[in-house]
Amino acid sequence: MDLYPIKAQYLRNEEITLRLELQKEKFDYAVITVYMLEKEAAVKEIRPLLDVTDICFQGFDVPFAGYGVEAVLYGECGRVTMETAFDVTDNPKSSLRYGFVSDFEEKDAENGAIDQLRKYHINMVQFYDWSYRHDTLVSPNENYQDMMGKRIDFRTVRSKIKSAAGYGMKTMAYGAVYAASREFYESHKDWAFYNGNQEVFRFIDVFYIMNVEKGSPWRNHLIHQYKDAITKAGFSGIHMDTYGFPKRAYSHLQEQPRLVRLDQEFCGLIDETRKGLEEAADDPCLVFNNVGNWPVGETAKSTVDAVYIEVWSPYDRYCHIKQLIQEAKYFSENKKPVILAAYLAPFRTESAALAANAAYILTAAIVSNGGYHLLLGENNAVLTQGYYGDYSTMPDETAAVMRKYYDFMIRYLNIFYDQTLQDVSMTHIGWDNYEYQCGFQNWSVNAEAGKVWITIRENEELKCLYLINLCGCGEDNWNKGKAEPVIQKDLTFTVNVDGDIQGVYCASPDRDSCKSELLEYSYIQNEKGKFVRFTVEELSVWTVVYLKL
């Protein structure tokens, strides 16, 4: 049995189609309720129920909103409840959920990877190492091997592009900005970058690093290759990859070697690429990899569609995850989605249970701070390191929980990704800050191990508390396996308000239902003003509380 939206994302006023799949179970009818936060947005009764039933709702006239769906099925075998979610936007680039595919042999054409990704609401897919060569992206042949020896069937690549587009997904062609084959380098030695010893830069003795500075022949060649990926392969965008090192290199385009700072060249390269892609396609999508958060201060201001950061040491702790997201929002003036490529090594190096808990907590950490996570791809695969072809696969039970977490992210899109929400965690709680008060001791706004990690964000309509349980699960290194957190009970909060409120609501993906629960609350008045007091009865891993003002 399954319930999911047909598309990864819906446009404003576009008809919504949900698919209900029943296998051996037989039910007479279903009542489908759509929620926007805690409020009902639509209700429909469906009968009869077939093995596969498509359920249509009139589109929603909103610029940006997430919706939860509850389907209650009735039949001789009793009553069963199922849930899913979908989002609606007038600008698909306002919410970019990134996934990947990397298997492109002929046998992979119908492996269901794209179909599975749309069930996680992934609306942008990176095609990793799909190309013939990094200097010649589109192969002259249908069957070829890439620079790492991986076999690729170009018909499979095009087939997956077409499938993804049908689900409303953007398809991103991986293309490193300065990598070339040895053969290409040997024919264009003056196009390369050189180190302080005036030796060419090489990466794993396979990729030769080329000169991306303005005016370099390589830059023009690269943009032409990117345009070929759009026009010949059919991609809707480009993922511009970098390797982090080098950050300075010597150009040999002149008689004397000249030192080039790459952070001063990348923005120009991005913007020239944007211009070139716009000649090849309408509204192309463009992502640039800031490896280790460098040089995000410059590139976030360029014409990229998202601030994309590949997370490496020394950004090791949960507090660094928040730091990365906050800085990226600041540099882009809060205009672009922030995507963290934070690969989870525990799926490769530790037990399935420890890896799963690490994934749940990291997902909660990134989403609660308004970011997106590149982790999932293929068929319930996860990334554990930088070469995507060596992915690991989640156990079915882990995949089921992760899908519920992604449903939760979409259902409460407005309290995770509303750009008007301001983080006040460091200024409105603790010391003599009376705006938010905890009735328990083991809390932290800095993601300390063994405590409840509290993030507070608010605007004129909402006060939101995002609670992540780090009690008993080990150290605060996000890339280490985690024990299951020790459940916390009866967490009491007191929140300063300016007047009466509409209500206090609580939701969690760790419960049977993700539906918002109305919490009991009481008003308190003293010399400091008016306050609302309420209690969260249980925190397993991740819970969100929002006060409607």
Foldseek 3Di string as FASTA:
>chain_A
DDKAWLALAAEAQDKTKMKDADDPDAFAKKWKFKDFAQHTDDIDIDGDDDRIDIDIDGGHHDAKGKIKMWIWTHHPVGIDIDIFIYMYHNDVLLDAFEEEDEDADPVCLPLCFLVQVSLLSHAEYEHAQQAQWLLARHDPDQWHAHLVRHIHGLVSLLSSQVVSVVNNHAYAYEHELFWGAPVVCVVPVLQFWAAPVRHWDDDPNGTTGGDCAPPRPSLVSNLVNQLCCCQVSPGQAYEHEDDQPDQWTWHNNDVDTDIDGVLVGVLVSQQVSVVSNVVRDPPGAYHYECECPPPLLRNLCHPHSADEYEHDPPCFFLLSLLVSQVVSCVSNVNRHAYEYADAAQCLVVHDLQLSLLLVVQSLLSQQQSQHHYHFHTGNQWGGHDDRRVPIGHHDPVSSVLSSLSSSLCSNNVCNRHVSQWDWCLPPQEDDPRPQKYKPDDFEDCSQAAQGWHWIWIDHPWKTKIKTFARRQFDGRGSRGGTDFGDKDFWIKMKGADPDDFPFKWKADSVDPDRRIDTWDWDWDQDPVGIIIMTIDGIDGGIMMMMTGD
